[in-house]
Amino acid sequence: MNSASPRNIATEGTRVTFHVEARDEHESIARGLHQRIVIRIESFAGRVAPKTKAYS
């Protein structure tokens, strides 16, 4: 059985950093860092709306 284990290692403002490790039934097969940004949906939607109208 394969599994992945994310662990939150840092939060700086809206940036969240995770350490992720993937394992198979015998050993660790991959590991690394992954970053995500938390957004305010209202602000994001307001910036995107004019662009989506331009492509309609």
C-alpha atoms as a PDB file:
ATOM      1  CA  MET A   1       0.000   0.000   0.000  1.00  0.00           C
ATOM      2  CA  ASN A   2       1.272   3.470  -0.908  1.00  0.00           C
ATOM      3  CA  SER A   3       0.770   6.524   1.268  1.00  0.00           C
ATOM      4  CA  ALA A   4       1.649  10.205   1.408  1.00  0.00           C
ATOM      5  CA  SER A   5       2.106  12.156   4.628  1.00  0.00           C
ATOM      6  CA  PRO A   6       1.903  15.958   4.489  1.00  0.00           C
ATOM      7  CA  ARG A   7       3.033  17.955   7.518  1.00  0.00           C
ATOM      8  CA  ASN A   8       2.607  21.707   7.916  1.00  0.00           C
ATOM      9  CA  ILE A   9       6.064  23.032   8.802  1.00  0.00           C
ATOM     10  CA  ALA A  10       5.631  26.803   8.389  1.00  0.00           C
ATOM     11  CA  THR A  11       3.002  29.490   8.020  1.00  0.00           C
ATOM     12  CA  GLU A  12       4.089  32.992   7.045  1.00  0.00           C
ATOM     13  CA  GLY A  13       1.231  35.372   6.332  1.00  0.00           C
ATOM     14  CA  THR A  14      -0.792  33.720   3.585  1.00  0.00           C
ATOM     15  CA  ARG A  15       1.969  31.254   2.601  1.00  0.00           C
ATOM     16  CA  VAL A  16       1.771  27.715   4.016  1.00  0.00           C
ATOM     17  CA  THR A  17       4.693  25.289   3.614  1.00  0.00           C
ATOM     18  CA  PHE A  18       4.308  21.522   3.886  1.00  0.00           C
ATOM     19  CA  HIS A  19       6.835  18.721   4.049  1.00  0.00           C
ATOM     20  CA  VAL A  20       5.476  15.737   2.115  1.00  0.00           C
ATOM     21  CA  GLU A  21       6.761  12.180   2.131  1.00  0.00           C
ATOM     22  CA  ALA A  22       5.507   9.347  -0.086  1.00  0.00           C
ATOM     23  CA  ARG A  23       6.070   5.745   0.924  1.00  0.00           C
ATOM     24  CA  ASP A  24       5.394   2.350  -0.554  1.00  0.00           C
ATOM     25  CA  GLU A  25       5.054  -0.790   1.540  1.00  0.00           C
ATOM     26  CA  HIS A  26       8.844  -0.997   1.958  1.00  0.00           C
ATOM     27  CA  GLU A  27      10.426   2.443   2.052  1.00  0.00           C
ATOM     28  CA  SER A  28      10.270   6.162   1.428  1.00  0.00           C
ATOM     29  CA  ILE A  29      10.064   6.750  -2.343  1.00  0.00           C
ATOM     30  CA  ALA A  30       9.841  10.560  -2.483  1.00  0.00           C
ATOM     31  CA  ARG A  31       9.909  13.602  -0.246  1.00  0.00           C
ATOM     32  CA  GLY A  32       9.888  17.331  -0.708  1.00  0.00           C
ATOM     33  CA  LEU A  33       8.417  20.708   0.124  1.00  0.00           C
ATOM     34  CA  HIS A  34       5.141  22.076  -1.186  1.00  0.00           C
ATOM     35  CA  GLN A  35       3.891  25.651  -0.766  1.00  0.00           C
ATOM     36  CA  ARG A  36       0.369  27.001  -1.070  1.00  0.00           C
ATOM     37  CA  ILE A  37      -1.031  30.511  -0.798  1.00  0.00           C
ATOM     38  CA  VAL A  38      -4.303  31.130   1.007  1.00  0.00           C
ATOM     39  CA  ILE A  39      -6.435  33.603  -0.928  1.00  0.00           C
ATOM     40  CA  ARG A  40      -9.495  35.693  -0.161  1.00  0.00           C
ATOM     41  CA  ILE A  41     -12.044  34.450  -2.663  1.00  0.00           C
ATOM     42  CA  GLU A  42     -13.880  37.779  -2.920  1.00  0.00           C
ATOM     43  CA  SER A  43     -10.712  39.677  -3.791  1.00  0.00           C
ATOM     44  CA  PHE A  44      -9.592  37.013  -6.275  1.00  0.00           C
ATOM     45  CA  ALA A  45     -13.006  36.852  -7.971  1.00  0.00           C
ATOM     46  CA  GLY A  46     -13.021  40.645  -8.314  1.00  0.00           C
ATOM     47  CA  ARG A  47      -9.666  40.612 -10.115  1.00  0.00           C
ATOM     48  CA  VAL A  48     -10.581  37.688 -12.374  1.00  0.00           C
ATOM     49  CA  ALA A  49     -14.070  38.857 -13.412  1.00  0.00           C
ATOM     50  CA  PRO A  50     -12.896  41.489 -15.928  1.00  0.00           C
ATOM     51  CA  LYS A  51     -10.535  38.977 -17.537  1.00  0.00           C
ATOM     52  CA  THR A  52     -13.227  36.322 -17.929  1.00  0.00           C
ATOM     53  CA  LYS A  53     -15.534  38.855 -19.625  1.00  0.00           C
ATOM     54  CA  ALA A  54     -12.758  39.673 -22.099  1.00  0.00           C
ATOM     55  CA  TYR A  55     -12.641  36.023 -23.235  1.00  0.00           C
ATOM     56  CA  SER A  56     -16.417  35.462 -23.494  1.00  0.00           C
END
